[in-house]
């Protein structure tokens, strides 16, 4: 589980850096600078729990599994966001987005988290050939 946690943390960091870098297009910033926070490593590492859950749900439809993963991701994002916000350490703030809850989750990200959950499931079923 530790190896999977580390892989999910690193993969999550990479996905976030790619996402924030691509978001630069919207701002017409063609440096395409992506960013993340050290706090995000353990948060993304929690995706390691998708593997055991996916084995329990393997006969369920992918949309069912994806929706469960999305709810889990929202739960982790919400709880860690509130915890970090108390100390003014939260690296994200969605307060300006219309579908935010307490500035720590965006409901319009639901399809992205569904896909991210299925992606983490796939990666754990078919691991990358990197060795840590």
N, C-alpha and C. Protein backbone atom coordinates (compact mmCIF):
# COMPACT_ATOMS: atom_id res chain seq x y z
N UNK A 1 0.83 -1.19 0.00
CA UNK A 1 0.00 0.00 0.00
C UNK A 1 0.87 1.26 0.00
N UNK A 2 2.03 1.21 0.69
CA UNK A 2 2.91 2.39 0.75
C UNK A 2 3.40 2.77 -0.65
N UNK A 3 3.80 1.77 -1.42
CA UNK A 3 4.29 2.04 -2.78
C UNK A 3 3.17 2.66 -3.62
N UNK A 4 1.95 2.12 -3.51
CA UNK A 4 0.82 2.66 -4.25
C UNK A 4 0.50 4.08 -3.82
N UNK A 5 0.58 4.35 -2.50
CA UNK A 5 0.35 5.70 -1.98
C UNK A 5 1.34 6.68 -2.60
N UNK A 6 2.60 6.29 -2.65
CA UNK A 6 3.65 7.16 -3.23
C UNK A 6 3.39 7.37 -4.72
N UNK A 7 3.06 6.30 -5.43
CA UNK A 7 2.79 6.43 -6.87
C UNK A 7 1.58 7.34 -7.13
N UNK A 8 0.51 7.17 -6.33
CA UNK A 8 -0.67 8.02 -6.51
C UNK A 8 -0.36 9.47 -6.18
N UNK A 9 0.44 9.71 -5.14
CA UNK A 9 0.83 11.07 -4.79
C UNK A 9 1.60 11.74 -5.90
N UNK A 10 2.57 11.02 -6.46
CA UNK A 10 3.38 11.58 -7.55
C UNK A 10 2.54 11.77 -8.81
N UNK A 11 1.70 10.79 -9.13
CA UNK A 11 0.84 10.90 -10.31
C UNK A 11 -0.14 12.07 -10.15
N UNK A 12 -0.70 12.22 -8.96
CA UNK A 12 -1.61 13.34 -8.70
C UNK A 12 -0.93 14.68 -8.87
N UNK A 13 0.28 14.78 -8.35
CA UNK A 13 1.06 16.01 -8.54
C UNK A 13 1.22 16.32 -10.03
N UNK A 14 1.60 15.30 -10.79
CA UNK A 14 1.79 15.50 -12.23
C UNK A 14 0.51 15.94 -12.92
N UNK A 15 -0.61 15.30 -12.55
CA UNK A 15 -1.89 15.68 -13.15
C UNK A 15 -2.25 17.12 -12.81
N UNK A 16 -2.00 17.51 -11.56
CA UNK A 16 -2.33 18.88 -11.15
C UNK A 16 -1.45 19.91 -11.87
N UNK A 17 -0.17 19.60 -11.99
CA UNK A 17 0.73 20.52 -12.69
C UNK A 17 0.33 20.64 -14.15
N UNK A 18 -0.04 19.53 -14.78
CA UNK A 18 -0.53 19.57 -16.16
C UNK A 18 -1.81 20.39 -16.25
N UNK A 19 -2.77 20.16 -15.35
CA UNK A 19 -4.06 20.86 -15.36
C UNK A 19 -3.86 22.36 -15.19
N UNK A 20 -3.04 22.76 -14.20
CA UNK A 20 -2.85 24.19 -13.97
C UNK A 20 -2.03 24.82 -15.09
N UNK A 21 -1.13 24.06 -15.69
CA UNK A 21 -0.37 24.56 -16.83
C UNK A 21 -1.27 24.80 -18.03
N UNK A 22 -2.19 23.85 -18.30
CA UNK A 22 -3.11 24.01 -19.43
C UNK A 22 -4.11 25.13 -19.18
N UNK A 23 -4.44 25.37 -17.90
CA UNK A 23 -5.35 26.47 -17.57
C UNK A 23 -4.75 27.82 -17.93
N UNK A 24 -3.45 27.86 -18.12
CA UNK A 24 -2.79 29.11 -18.53
C UNK A 24 -3.32 29.61 -19.87
N UNK A 25 -3.74 28.68 -20.75
CA UNK A 25 -4.30 29.10 -22.04
C UNK A 25 -5.49 30.03 -21.83
N UNK A 26 -6.34 29.70 -20.86
CA UNK A 26 -7.53 30.51 -20.59
C UNK A 26 -7.14 31.92 -20.19
N UNK A 27 -6.04 32.04 -19.47
CA UNK A 27 -5.56 33.35 -19.01
C UNK A 27 -4.64 34.01 -20.03
N UNK A 28 -4.46 33.38 -21.17
CA UNK A 28 -3.57 33.86 -22.24
C UNK A 28 -2.12 34.02 -21.74
N UNK A 29 -1.73 33.13 -20.85
CA UNK A 29 -0.36 33.09 -20.34
C UNK A 29 0.31 31.90 -21.01
N UNK A 30 1.08 32.17 -22.02
CA UNK A 30 1.64 31.09 -22.84
C UNK A 30 2.97 30.56 -22.30
N UNK A 31 3.28 30.91 -21.06
CA UNK A 31 4.41 30.26 -20.39
C UNK A 31 4.00 28.84 -19.97
N UNK A 32 2.68 28.63 -19.84
CA UNK A 32 2.09 27.34 -19.47
C UNK A 32 2.70 26.79 -18.18
N UNK A 33 2.87 27.68 -17.22
CA UNK A 33 3.45 27.29 -15.94
C UNK A 33 2.41 26.57 -15.10
N UNK A 34 2.72 25.34 -14.74
CA UNK A 34 1.86 24.57 -13.84
C UNK A 34 2.40 24.67 -12.42
N UNK A 35 1.54 24.40 -11.45
CA UNK A 35 1.98 24.48 -10.06
C UNK A 35 1.18 23.52 -9.18
N UNK A 36 1.72 23.25 -8.04
CA UNK A 36 1.06 22.43 -7.03
C UNK A 36 1.60 22.83 -5.67
N UNK A 37 1.29 22.05 -4.67
CA UNK A 37 1.75 22.31 -3.31
C UNK A 37 2.21 20.99 -2.70
N UNK A 38 3.12 21.07 -1.77
CA UNK A 38 3.56 19.86 -1.07
C UNK A 38 2.40 19.20 -0.32
N UNK A 39 1.43 20.00 0.11
CA UNK A 39 0.25 19.43 0.79
C UNK A 39 -0.52 18.47 -0.11
N UNK A 40 -0.41 18.64 -1.41
CA UNK A 40 -1.20 17.83 -2.33
C UNK A 40 -0.69 16.39 -2.44
N UNK A 41 0.59 16.15 -2.10
CA UNK A 41 1.12 14.79 -2.21
C UNK A 41 0.33 13.79 -1.36
N UNK A 42 0.16 14.03 -0.05
CA UNK A 42 -0.62 13.05 0.72
C UNK A 42 -2.09 13.03 0.35
N UNK A 43 -2.60 14.16 -0.11
CA UNK A 43 -4.01 14.19 -0.52
C UNK A 43 -4.21 13.31 -1.75
N UNK A 44 -3.37 13.45 -2.77
CA UNK A 44 -3.46 12.59 -3.94
C UNK A 44 -3.07 11.15 -3.59
N UNK A 45 -2.18 10.99 -2.63
CA UNK A 45 -1.79 9.65 -2.21
C UNK A 45 -2.96 8.84 -1.70
N UNK A 46 -3.98 9.52 -1.17
CA UNK A 46 -5.19 8.82 -0.70
C UNK A 46 -5.90 8.05 -1.81
N UNK A 47 -5.58 8.35 -3.06
CA UNK A 47 -6.17 7.60 -4.18
C UNK A 47 -5.74 6.14 -4.14
N UNK A 48 -4.75 5.81 -3.33
CA UNK A 48 -4.33 4.41 -3.17
C UNK A 48 -5.47 3.55 -2.63
N UNK A 49 -6.42 4.17 -1.95
CA UNK A 49 -7.56 3.41 -1.42
C UNK A 49 -8.56 3.01 -2.50
N UNK A 50 -8.42 3.58 -3.69
CA UNK A 50 -9.29 3.21 -4.80
C UNK A 50 -9.03 1.76 -5.23
N UNK A 51 -7.78 1.32 -5.17
CA UNK A 51 -7.43 -0.04 -5.59
C UNK A 51 -8.21 -1.11 -4.84
N UNK A 52 -8.12 -1.14 -3.50
CA UNK A 52 -8.89 -2.15 -2.77
C UNK A 52 -10.41 -2.02 -2.98
N UNK A 53 -10.88 -0.79 -3.06
CA UNK A 53 -12.31 -0.57 -3.30
C UNK A 53 -12.71 -1.10 -4.67
N UNK A 54 -11.87 -0.89 -5.67
CA UNK A 54 -12.20 -1.34 -7.03
C UNK A 54 -12.29 -2.86 -7.10
N UNK A 55 -11.49 -3.56 -6.30
CA UNK A 55 -11.57 -5.02 -6.29
C UNK A 55 -12.90 -5.49 -5.72
N UNK A 56 -13.43 -4.76 -4.74
CA UNK A 56 -14.74 -5.10 -4.18
C UNK A 56 -15.88 -4.80 -5.16
N UNK A 57 -15.66 -3.80 -6.01
CA UNK A 57 -16.72 -3.32 -6.91
C UNK A 57 -16.51 -3.74 -8.36
N UNK A 58 -15.60 -4.68 -8.62
CA UNK A 58 -15.19 -4.98 -9.99
C UNK A 58 -16.35 -5.38 -10.91
N UNK A 59 -17.42 -5.92 -10.37
CA UNK A 59 -18.55 -6.34 -11.22
C UNK A 59 -19.56 -5.21 -11.44
N UNK A 60 -19.35 -4.10 -10.77
CA UNK A 60 -20.26 -2.95 -10.93
C UNK A 60 -19.89 -2.16 -12.18
N UNK A 61 -20.86 -1.46 -12.71
CA UNK A 61 -20.68 -0.64 -13.91
C UNK A 61 -19.64 0.45 -13.64
N UNK A 62 -18.81 0.78 -14.64
CA UNK A 62 -17.79 1.83 -14.44
C UNK A 62 -18.36 3.17 -13.99
N UNK A 63 -19.55 3.54 -14.45
CA UNK A 63 -20.14 4.80 -14.00
C UNK A 63 -20.51 4.75 -12.52
N UNK A 64 -20.94 3.59 -12.06
CA UNK A 64 -21.23 3.43 -10.63
C UNK A 64 -19.95 3.58 -9.82
N UNK A 65 -18.90 2.86 -10.25
CA UNK A 65 -17.61 2.95 -9.55
C UNK A 65 -17.07 4.38 -9.62
N UNK A 66 -17.13 4.98 -10.80
CA UNK A 66 -16.63 6.35 -10.97
C UNK A 66 -17.35 7.34 -10.08
N UNK A 67 -18.65 7.18 -9.95
CA UNK A 67 -19.40 8.08 -9.06
C UNK A 67 -19.01 7.88 -7.60
N UNK A 68 -18.76 6.65 -7.19
CA UNK A 68 -18.28 6.42 -5.82
C UNK A 68 -16.92 7.05 -5.60
N UNK A 69 -16.04 6.90 -6.58
CA UNK A 69 -14.71 7.50 -6.47
C UNK A 69 -14.83 9.01 -6.41
N UNK A 70 -15.70 9.58 -7.25
CA UNK A 70 -15.90 11.03 -7.25
C UNK A 70 -16.38 11.51 -5.88
N UNK A 71 -17.32 10.80 -5.28
CA UNK A 71 -17.79 11.18 -3.95
C UNK A 71 -16.67 11.08 -2.92
N UNK A 72 -15.87 10.03 -3.03
CA UNK A 72 -14.73 9.88 -2.12
C UNK A 72 -13.71 11.00 -2.29
N UNK A 73 -13.44 11.36 -3.53
CA UNK A 73 -12.50 12.45 -3.80
C UNK A 73 -13.05 13.75 -3.25
N UNK A 74 -14.34 14.00 -3.45
CA UNK A 74 -14.94 15.21 -2.88
C UNK A 74 -14.82 15.20 -1.35
N UNK A 75 -15.05 14.05 -0.74
CA UNK A 75 -14.96 13.96 0.72
C UNK A 75 -13.55 14.26 1.21
N UNK A 76 -12.55 13.70 0.55
CA UNK A 76 -11.16 13.95 0.93
C UNK A 76 -10.80 15.42 0.67
N UNK A 77 -11.20 15.94 -0.50
CA UNK A 77 -10.89 17.33 -0.83
C UNK A 77 -11.57 18.29 0.16
N UNK A 78 -12.82 18.01 0.50
CA UNK A 78 -13.57 18.86 1.41
C UNK A 78 -12.96 18.84 2.81
N UNK A 79 -12.72 17.64 3.33
CA UNK A 79 -12.21 17.54 4.71
C UNK A 79 -10.79 18.09 4.82
N UNK A 80 -9.92 17.76 3.88
CA UNK A 80 -8.55 18.30 3.95
C UNK A 80 -8.55 19.80 3.68
N UNK A 81 -9.41 20.25 2.78
CA UNK A 81 -9.50 21.68 2.49
C UNK A 81 -9.92 22.48 3.71
N UNK A 82 -10.94 22.00 4.42
CA UNK A 82 -11.38 22.70 5.63
C UNK A 82 -10.30 22.68 6.70
N UNK A 83 -9.64 21.54 6.85
CA UNK A 83 -8.56 21.42 7.84
C UNK A 83 -7.43 22.39 7.53
N UNK A 84 -6.99 22.41 6.28
CA UNK A 84 -5.90 23.31 5.88
C UNK A 84 -6.33 24.77 5.94
N UNK A 85 -7.59 25.03 5.63
CA UNK A 85 -8.09 26.41 5.64
C UNK A 85 -8.05 27.00 7.06
N UNK A 86 -8.29 26.15 8.06
CA UNK A 86 -8.24 26.62 9.46
C UNK A 86 -6.89 27.23 9.81
N UNK A 87 -5.84 26.70 9.22
CA UNK A 87 -4.48 27.19 9.49
C UNK A 87 -4.01 28.18 8.43
N UNK A 88 -4.89 28.49 7.47
CA UNK A 88 -4.54 29.34 6.33
C UNK A 88 -3.43 28.71 5.49
N UNK A 89 -3.48 27.38 5.36
CA UNK A 89 -2.50 26.63 4.58
C UNK A 89 -3.09 26.03 3.32
N UNK A 90 -4.37 26.23 3.07
CA UNK A 90 -5.02 25.58 1.92
C UNK A 90 -4.49 26.17 0.61
N UNK A 91 -3.93 25.32 -0.25
CA UNK A 91 -3.33 25.83 -1.49
C UNK A 91 -4.35 26.15 -2.58
N UNK A 92 -5.61 25.84 -2.37
CA UNK A 92 -6.61 26.15 -3.38
C UNK A 92 -7.75 26.94 -2.74
N UNK A 93 -8.40 27.76 -3.56
CA UNK A 93 -9.54 28.55 -3.10
C UNK A 93 -10.51 28.69 -4.26
N UNK A 94 -11.64 28.04 -4.13
CA UNK A 94 -12.66 28.05 -5.18
C UNK A 94 -13.78 29.04 -4.88
N UNK A 95 -13.55 29.96 -3.96
CA UNK A 95 -14.60 30.89 -3.54
C UNK A 95 -15.21 31.69 -4.69
N UNK A 96 -14.45 31.96 -5.73
CA UNK A 96 -14.95 32.74 -6.85
C UNK A 96 -15.76 31.91 -7.85
N UNK A 97 -15.76 30.60 -7.69
CA UNK A 97 -16.50 29.73 -8.61
C UNK A 97 -17.95 29.62 -8.14
N UNK A 98 -18.89 29.66 -9.07
CA UNK A 98 -20.30 29.66 -8.68
C UNK A 98 -20.76 28.39 -7.97
N UNK A 99 -20.19 27.24 -8.27
CA UNK A 99 -20.65 25.99 -7.69
C UNK A 99 -19.69 25.47 -6.61
N UNK A 100 -19.19 26.40 -5.78
CA UNK A 100 -18.26 25.99 -4.72
C UNK A 100 -19.01 25.73 -3.42
N UNK A 101 -18.39 24.92 -2.57
CA UNK A 101 -18.89 24.71 -1.21
C UNK A 101 -17.74 25.09 -0.27
N UNK A 102 -17.96 26.15 0.49
CA UNK A 102 -16.97 26.68 1.44
C UNK A 102 -15.62 26.98 0.79
N UNK A 103 -15.62 27.17 -0.52
CA UNK A 103 -14.39 27.51 -1.23
C UNK A 103 -13.41 26.36 -1.38
N UNK A 104 -13.77 25.15 -0.91
CA UNK A 104 -12.82 24.04 -0.95
C UNK A 104 -13.18 22.94 -1.94
N UNK A 105 -14.41 22.90 -2.42
CA UNK A 105 -14.73 21.98 -3.52
C UNK A 105 -15.58 22.72 -4.55
N UNK A 106 -15.47 22.27 -5.79
CA UNK A 106 -16.26 22.80 -6.89
C UNK A 106 -17.10 21.66 -7.46
N UNK A 107 -18.40 21.81 -7.38
CA UNK A 107 -19.29 20.76 -7.86
C UNK A 107 -19.17 20.55 -9.37
N UNK A 108 -18.79 21.61 -10.11
CA UNK A 108 -18.62 21.45 -11.55
C UNK A 108 -17.41 20.59 -11.90
N UNK A 109 -16.58 20.26 -10.92
CA UNK A 109 -15.44 19.35 -11.15
C UNK A 109 -15.85 17.88 -11.02
N UNK A 110 -17.11 17.61 -10.73
CA UNK A 110 -17.56 16.23 -10.54
C UNK A 110 -17.17 15.31 -11.70
N UNK A 111 -17.41 15.70 -12.97
CA UNK A 111 -17.01 14.80 -14.06
C UNK A 111 -15.50 14.56 -14.11
N UNK A 112 -14.72 15.59 -13.79
CA UNK A 112 -13.26 15.43 -13.78
C UNK A 112 -12.82 14.46 -12.68
N UNK A 113 -13.44 14.56 -11.50
CA UNK A 113 -13.08 13.65 -10.41
C UNK A 113 -13.55 12.24 -10.69
N UNK A 114 -14.68 12.09 -11.37
CA UNK A 114 -15.14 10.76 -11.78
C UNK A 114 -14.10 10.12 -12.69
N UNK A 115 -13.65 10.87 -13.69
CA UNK A 115 -12.63 10.35 -14.62
C UNK A 115 -11.29 10.12 -13.91
N UNK A 116 -10.92 11.02 -13.01
CA UNK A 116 -9.67 10.84 -12.27
C UNK A 116 -9.72 9.56 -11.43
N UNK A 117 -10.87 9.31 -10.81
CA UNK A 117 -11.02 8.10 -10.02
C UNK A 117 -10.87 6.85 -10.86
N UNK A 118 -11.50 6.85 -12.04
CA UNK A 118 -11.37 5.70 -12.94
C UNK A 118 -9.95 5.57 -13.47
N UNK A 119 -9.27 6.69 -13.66
CA UNK A 119 -7.88 6.66 -14.10
C UNK A 119 -7.00 6.04 -13.01
N UNK A 120 -7.19 6.48 -11.75
CA UNK A 120 -6.42 5.90 -10.64
C UNK A 120 -6.74 4.41 -10.49
N UNK A 121 -7.99 4.03 -10.73
CA UNK A 121 -8.36 2.61 -10.70
C UNK A 121 -7.57 1.85 -11.76
N UNK A 122 -7.55 2.38 -12.97
CA UNK A 122 -6.85 1.73 -14.09
C UNK A 122 -5.35 1.60 -13.79
N UNK A 123 -4.77 2.65 -13.29
CA UNK A 123 -3.33 2.64 -12.98
C UNK A 123 -3.02 1.58 -11.92
N UNK A 124 -3.93 1.41 -10.97
CA UNK A 124 -3.67 0.42 -9.92
C UNK A 124 -3.90 -1.01 -10.40
N UNK A 125 -4.78 -1.18 -11.38
CA UNK A 125 -4.97 -2.51 -11.96
C UNK A 125 -3.86 -2.86 -12.93
N UNK A 126 -3.32 -1.85 -13.59
CA UNK A 126 -2.27 -2.02 -14.60
C UNK A 126 -1.13 -1.07 -14.26
N UNK A 127 -0.32 -1.40 -13.26
CA UNK A 127 0.71 -0.47 -12.76
C UNK A 127 1.71 -0.08 -13.83
N UNK A 128 2.21 1.15 -13.68
CA UNK A 128 3.28 1.64 -14.54
C UNK A 128 4.54 0.83 -14.23
N UNK A 129 5.45 0.79 -15.14
CA UNK A 129 6.65 -0.02 -14.92
C UNK A 129 7.77 0.76 -14.24
N UNK A 130 7.44 1.81 -13.48
CA UNK A 130 8.47 2.55 -12.73
C UNK A 130 8.71 1.81 -11.42
N UNK A 131 9.92 1.88 -10.95
CA UNK A 131 10.25 1.26 -9.66
C UNK A 131 10.80 2.32 -8.73
N UNK A 132 10.24 2.38 -7.54
CA UNK A 132 10.67 3.37 -6.55
C UNK A 132 11.49 2.68 -5.49
